Amino acid sequence: MSARAPGATDALMLFHHLNESLRRSMLPATGLWSFNEAILCAGQATADNLVPHVSQIDYMVRTDSVAQADIVSAVMDNNAEAAAKAAFCRWRKTWVAKSRGGLANHALARATYRNLESIGAPVWEGEAIRVAREIQANLGLAPLERPFASDTERLIHPEECERQLREMMPASSV
């Protein structure tokens, strides 16, 4: 007896459903982690009586640490294996890009900062303020005299900016 398979669309939907169902149990509900997906192809069969043989979904994962990313990846690998097995398919993971959290590029940030220093911080006036106030009014807000945050009109040294940003980020719990 043989299943009418492989069913790539079925495998993709099972994989997606497993990831969504297990999202809350992958990592603690603290920190700044998330994943999002984009289905790139599914259901491209050549006839209405043929099951598709290829489907593709991309996941974008953000975590507080490499250890957390490894946990999410392990759960998703397990889900992919289960979905592929259920739909009589094979699966393959391809890394498009990896980056490591907390590794600031100070050399590039300093070079950018030097360029900004040479031209100065942005100054919001005239048309920019008019458009910002119009947006506020369209949102039902009372337009502010200065609709842009004052910090957007001053330069902050890259290391100081990073220090301030990290103060707002919760410590990883994993």
C-alpha atoms as a PDB file:
ATOM      1  CA  MET A   1       0.000   0.000   0.000  1.00  0.00           C
ATOM      2  CA  SER A   2       1.384   3.402  -0.974  1.00  0.00           C
ATOM      3  CA  ALA A   3       0.312   6.868   0.068  1.00  0.00           C
ATOM      4  CA  ARG A   4      -0.396   9.457  -2.613  1.00  0.00           C
ATOM      5  CA  ALA A   5       2.734  11.287  -1.685  1.00  0.00           C
ATOM      6  CA  PRO A   6       5.033  13.045  -1.258  1.00  0.00           C
ATOM      7  CA  GLY A   7       2.760  15.922  -0.374  1.00  0.00           C
ATOM      8  CA  ALA A   8       5.032  18.920  -0.081  1.00  0.00           C
ATOM      9  CA  THR A   9       2.231  21.379   0.701  1.00  0.00           C
ATOM     10  CA  ASP A  10       0.931  19.062   3.426  1.00  0.00           C
ATOM     11  CA  ALA A  11       4.421  18.796   4.926  1.00  0.00           C
ATOM     12  CA  LEU A  12       4.857  22.560   4.843  1.00  0.00           C
ATOM     13  CA  MET A  13       1.518  23.189   6.534  1.00  0.00           C
ATOM     14  CA  LEU A  14       2.209  20.542   9.194  1.00  0.00           C
ATOM     15  CA  PHE A  15       5.632  22.084   9.848  1.00  0.00           C
ATOM     16  CA  HIS A  16       4.151  25.567  10.126  1.00  0.00           C
ATOM     17  CA  HIS A  17       1.390  24.324  12.443  1.00  0.00           C
ATOM     18  CA  LEU A  18       3.855  22.489  14.690  1.00  0.00           C
ATOM     19  CA  ASN A  19       6.043  25.595  14.978  1.00  0.00           C
ATOM     20  CA  GLU A  20       3.055  27.787  15.836  1.00  0.00           C
ATOM     21  CA  SER A  21       1.699  25.247  18.328  1.00  0.00           C
ATOM     22  CA  LEU A  22       5.026  24.919  20.120  1.00  0.00           C
ATOM     23  CA  ARG A  23       6.051  28.606  19.936  1.00  0.00           C
ATOM     24  CA  ARG A  24       5.195  29.272  23.584  1.00  0.00           C
ATOM     25  CA  SER A  25       7.137  26.263  24.823  1.00  0.00           C
ATOM     26  CA  MET A  26      10.357  26.780  22.862  1.00  0.00           C
ATOM     27  CA  LEU A  27      11.770  29.410  25.216  1.00  0.00           C
ATOM     28  CA  PRO A  28      10.613  31.239  28.338  1.00  0.00           C
ATOM     29  CA  ALA A  29       8.229  34.137  27.733  1.00  0.00           C
ATOM     30  CA  THR A  30      10.918  36.642  28.699  1.00  0.00           C
ATOM     31  CA  GLY A  31      13.470  38.467  26.639  1.00  0.00           C
ATOM     32  CA  LEU A  32      13.254  39.674  23.108  1.00  0.00           C
ATOM     33  CA  TRP A  33      12.972  36.567  20.966  1.00  0.00           C
ATOM     34  CA  SER A  34      10.692  35.901  18.045  1.00  0.00           C
ATOM     35  CA  PHE A  35      10.385  34.111  14.757  1.00  0.00           C
ATOM     36  CA  ASN A  36       8.470  34.951  11.623  1.00  0.00           C
ATOM     37  CA  GLU A  37       7.985  33.054   8.424  1.00  0.00           C
ATOM     38  CA  ALA A  38       7.497  33.569   4.714  1.00  0.00           C
ATOM     39  CA  ILE A  39       6.085  30.803   2.517  1.00  0.00           C
ATOM     40  CA  LEU A  40       8.027  31.061  -0.731  1.00  0.00           C
ATOM     41  CA  CYS A  41       6.373  28.271  -2.674  1.00  0.00           C
ATOM     42  CA  ALA A  42       3.665  25.711  -2.052  1.00  0.00           C
ATOM     43  CA  GLY A  43       1.084  24.101  -4.298  1.00  0.00           C
ATOM     44  CA  GLN A  44       2.874  24.574  -7.601  1.00  0.00           C
ATOM     45  CA  ALA A  45       1.669  21.282  -9.073  1.00  0.00           C
ATOM     46  CA  THR A  46       1.370  20.956 -12.829  1.00  0.00           C
ATOM     47  CA  ALA A  47      -2.163  19.568 -12.735  1.00  0.00           C
ATOM     48  CA  ASP A  48      -5.038  19.573 -10.297  1.00  0.00           C
ATOM     49  CA  ASN A  49      -4.714  15.835  -9.680  1.00  0.00           C
ATOM     50  CA  LEU A  50      -0.998  15.916  -8.801  1.00  0.00           C
ATOM     51  CA  VAL A  51       0.337  16.665  -5.363  1.00  0.00           C
ATOM     52  CA  PRO A  52       3.155  19.224  -5.277  1.00  0.00           C
ATOM     53  CA  HIS A  53       6.627  17.816  -4.822  1.00  0.00           C
ATOM     54  CA  VAL A  54       8.301  21.002  -3.583  1.00  0.00           C
ATOM     55  CA  SER A  55       7.445  23.630  -0.992  1.00  0.00           C
ATOM     56  CA  GLN A  56       9.582  26.162   0.808  1.00  0.00           C
ATOM     57  CA  ILE A  57       9.211  28.238   3.951  1.00  0.00           C
ATOM     58  CA  ASP A  58      11.764  30.669   5.346  1.00  0.00           C
ATOM     59  CA  TYR A  59      11.999  31.482   9.040  1.00  0.00           C
ATOM     60  CA  MET A  60      13.614  34.595  10.451  1.00  0.00           C
ATOM     61  CA  VAL A  61      14.629  33.982  14.061  1.00  0.00           C
ATOM     62  CA  ARG A  62      15.732  36.613  16.575  1.00  0.00           C
ATOM     63  CA  THR A  63      16.939  35.680  20.028  1.00  0.00           C
ATOM     64  CA  ASP A  64      18.822  37.202  22.959  1.00  0.00           C
ATOM     65  CA  SER A  65      21.653  34.685  22.671  1.00  0.00           C
ATOM     66  CA  VAL A  66      23.213  32.013  20.491  1.00  0.00           C
ATOM     67  CA  ALA A  67      22.105  29.389  23.025  1.00  0.00           C
ATOM     68  CA  GLN A  68      18.471  30.451  22.568  1.00  0.00           C
ATOM     69  CA  ALA A  69      18.822  30.358  18.772  1.00  0.00           C
ATOM     70  CA  ASP A  70      20.177  26.813  19.044  1.00  0.00           C
ATOM     71  CA  ILE A  71      17.139  25.766  21.114  1.00  0.00           C
ATOM     72  CA  VAL A  72      14.656  27.251  18.618  1.00  0.00           C
ATOM     73  CA  SER A  73      16.574  25.640  15.749  1.00  0.00           C
ATOM     74  CA  ALA A  74      16.528  22.221  17.449  1.00  0.00           C
ATOM     75  CA  VAL A  75      12.759  22.419  18.011  1.00  0.00           C
ATOM     76  CA  MET A  76      12.166  23.473  14.404  1.00  0.00           C
ATOM     77  CA  ASP A  77      14.447  20.695  13.098  1.00  0.00           C
ATOM     78  CA  ASN A  78      12.430  18.167  15.091  1.00  0.00           C
ATOM     79  CA  ASN A  79       9.180  19.646  13.731  1.00  0.00           C
ATOM     80  CA  ALA A  80      10.502  19.524  10.158  1.00  0.00           C
ATOM     81  CA  GLU A  81      11.477  15.876  10.571  1.00  0.00           C
ATOM     82  CA  ALA A  82       8.032  14.980  11.982  1.00  0.00           C
ATOM     83  CA  ALA A  83       6.140  16.874   9.270  1.00  0.00           C
ATOM     84  CA  ALA A  84       8.246  15.398   6.475  1.00  0.00           C
ATOM     85  CA  LYS A  85       7.783  11.885   7.828  1.00  0.00           C
ATOM     86  CA  ALA A  86       3.999  12.322   8.120  1.00  0.00           C
ATOM     87  CA  ALA A  87       3.750  13.548   4.521  1.00  0.00           C
ATOM     88  CA  PHE A  88       6.262  11.033   3.083  1.00  0.00           C
ATOM     89  CA  CYS A  89       8.686  13.837   2.191  1.00  0.00           C
ATOM     90  CA  ARG A  90      12.307  14.738   2.677  1.00  0.00           C
ATOM     91  CA  TRP A  91      13.363  18.055   4.191  1.00  0.00           C
ATOM     92  CA  ARG A  92      16.486  20.165   4.022  1.00  0.00           C
ATOM     93  CA  LYS A  93      17.598  23.156   6.040  1.00  0.00           C
ATOM     94  CA  THR A  94      19.636  25.857   4.352  1.00  0.00           C
ATOM     95  CA  TRP A  95      21.099  28.697   6.389  1.00  0.00           C
ATOM     96  CA  VAL A  96      20.813  31.949   4.486  1.00  0.00           C
ATOM     97  CA  ALA A  97      22.542  34.088   7.096  1.00  0.00           C
ATOM     98  CA  LYS A  98      23.661  33.926  10.686  1.00  0.00           C
ATOM     99  CA  SER A  99      24.697  36.711  12.968  1.00  0.00           C
ATOM    100  CA  ARG A 100      25.764  36.722  16.543  1.00  0.00           C
ATOM    101  CA  GLY A 101      24.000  38.906  19.028  1.00  0.00           C
ATOM    102  CA  GLY A 102      25.989  41.366  21.072  1.00  0.00           C
ATOM    103  CA  LEU A 103      28.863  41.729  18.645  1.00  0.00           C
ATOM    104  CA  ALA A 104      28.826  45.417  17.880  1.00  0.00           C
ATOM    105  CA  ASN A 105      30.738  46.611  14.828  1.00  0.00           C
ATOM    106  CA  HIS A 106      32.523  49.530  16.479  1.00  0.00           C
ATOM    107  CA  ALA A 107      34.845  50.152  13.518  1.00  0.00           C
ATOM    108  CA  LEU A 108      31.947  50.647  11.106  1.00  0.00           C
ATOM    109  CA  ALA A 109      29.944  52.611  13.683  1.00  0.00           C
ATOM    110  CA  ARG A 110      32.866  54.995  14.292  1.00  0.00           C
ATOM    111  CA  ALA A 111      33.384  55.514  10.536  1.00  0.00           C
ATOM    112  CA  THR A 112      29.687  56.318  10.111  1.00  0.00           C
ATOM    113  CA  TYR A 113      29.795  58.622  13.130  1.00  0.00           C
ATOM    114  CA  ARG A 114      32.769  60.541  11.671  1.00  0.00           C
ATOM    115  CA  ASN A 115      30.778  61.066   8.469  1.00  0.00           C
ATOM    116  CA  LEU A 116      27.779  62.273  10.455  1.00  0.00           C
ATOM    117  CA  GLU A 117      30.015  64.626  12.446  1.00  0.00           C
ATOM    118  CA  SER A 118      31.248  66.197   9.221  1.00  0.00           C
ATOM    119  CA  ILE A 119      27.707  67.131   8.115  1.00  0.00           C
ATOM    120  CA  GLY A 120      26.042  67.469  11.503  1.00  0.00           C
ATOM    121  CA  ALA A 121      22.955  65.977  13.067  1.00  0.00           C
ATOM    122  CA  PRO A 122      19.640  66.193  11.206  1.00  0.00           C
ATOM    123  CA  VAL A 123      17.595  69.325  11.761  1.00  0.00           C
ATOM    124  CA  TRP A 124      13.854  68.905  11.342  1.00  0.00           C
ATOM    125  CA  GLU A 125      12.175  72.031  10.080  1.00  0.00           C
ATOM    126  CA  GLY A 126       9.811  73.388   7.437  1.00  0.00           C
ATOM    127  CA  GLU A 127       8.263  70.685   5.251  1.00  0.00           C
ATOM    128  CA  ALA A 128       9.341  67.824   7.544  1.00  0.00           C
ATOM    129  CA  ILE A 129       7.548  69.377  10.516  1.00  0.00           C
ATOM    130  CA  ARG A 130       4.481  70.146   8.393  1.00  0.00           C
ATOM    131  CA  VAL A 131       4.247  66.520   7.192  1.00  0.00           C
ATOM    132  CA  ALA A 132       4.808  65.144  10.712  1.00  0.00           C
ATOM    133  CA  ARG A 133       2.045  67.354  12.095  1.00  0.00           C
ATOM    134  CA  GLU A 134      -0.265  66.273   9.272  1.00  0.00           C
ATOM    135  CA  ILE A 135       0.401  62.626  10.156  1.00  0.00           C
ATOM    136  CA  GLN A 136      -0.368  63.344  13.811  1.00  0.00           C
ATOM    137  CA  ALA A 137      -3.628  65.111  12.864  1.00  0.00           C
ATOM    138  CA  ASN A 138      -4.633  62.202  10.565  1.00  0.00           C
ATOM    139  CA  LEU A 139      -4.091  59.855  13.506  1.00  0.00           C
ATOM    140  CA  GLY A 140      -6.436  61.943  15.627  1.00  0.00           C
ATOM    141  CA  LEU A 141      -3.607  63.362  17.723  1.00  0.00           C
ATOM    142  CA  ALA A 142      -3.080  67.000  18.569  1.00  0.00           C
ATOM    143  CA  PRO A 143      -0.117  68.095  16.400  1.00  0.00           C
ATOM    144  CA  LEU A 144       2.936  68.930  18.488  1.00  0.00           C
ATOM    145  CA  GLU A 145       4.964  72.083  18.030  1.00  0.00           C
ATOM    146  CA  ARG A 146       8.113  69.905  17.764  1.00  0.00           C
ATOM    147  CA  PRO A 147       6.838  66.506  16.475  1.00  0.00           C
ATOM    148  CA  PHE A 148      10.283  64.885  16.410  1.00  0.00           C
ATOM    149  CA  ALA A 149      12.105  63.654  19.512  1.00  0.00           C
ATOM    150  CA  SER A 150      14.952  66.005  20.424  1.00  0.00           C
ATOM    151  CA  ASP A 151      17.407  63.086  20.457  1.00  0.00           C
ATOM    152  CA  THR A 152      16.966  62.766  16.678  1.00  0.00           C
ATOM    153  CA  GLU A 153      18.609  66.185  16.285  1.00  0.00           C
ATOM    154  CA  ARG A 154      21.841  65.368  18.087  1.00  0.00           C
ATOM    155  CA  LEU A 155      24.661  62.951  17.499  1.00  0.00           C
ATOM    156  CA  ILE A 156      25.415  60.312  20.116  1.00  0.00           C
ATOM    157  CA  HIS A 157      28.806  58.613  20.114  1.00  0.00           C
ATOM    158  CA  PRO A 158      28.348  54.966  18.999  1.00  0.00           C
ATOM    159  CA  GLU A 159      29.621  53.382  22.225  1.00  0.00           C
ATOM    160  CA  GLU A 160      27.349  55.614  24.327  1.00  0.00           C
ATOM    161  CA  CYS A 161      24.370  54.845  22.088  1.00  0.00           C
ATOM    162  CA  GLU A 162      25.013  51.103  22.416  1.00  0.00           C
ATOM    163  CA  ARG A 163      25.338  51.430  26.203  1.00  0.00           C
ATOM    164  CA  GLN A 164      21.972  53.217  26.377  1.00  0.00           C
ATOM    165  CA  LEU A 165      20.275  50.637  24.139  1.00  0.00           C
ATOM    166  CA  ARG A 166      21.608  47.728  26.190  1.00  0.00           C
ATOM    167  CA  GLU A 167      20.237  49.293  29.375  1.00  0.00           C
ATOM    168  CA  MET A 168      16.744  48.912  27.926  1.00  0.00           C
ATOM    169  CA  MET A 169      17.201  45.276  26.911  1.00  0.00           C
ATOM    170  CA  PRO A 170      16.231  42.582  29.397  1.00  0.00           C
ATOM    171  CA  ALA A 171      18.900  40.128  30.459  1.00  0.00           C
ATOM    172  CA  SER A 172      18.598  36.725  28.802  1.00  0.00           C
ATOM    173  CA  SER A 173      17.048  34.032  30.942  1.00  0.00           C
ATOM    174  CA  VAL A 174      18.652  31.173  29.034  1.00  0.00           C
END
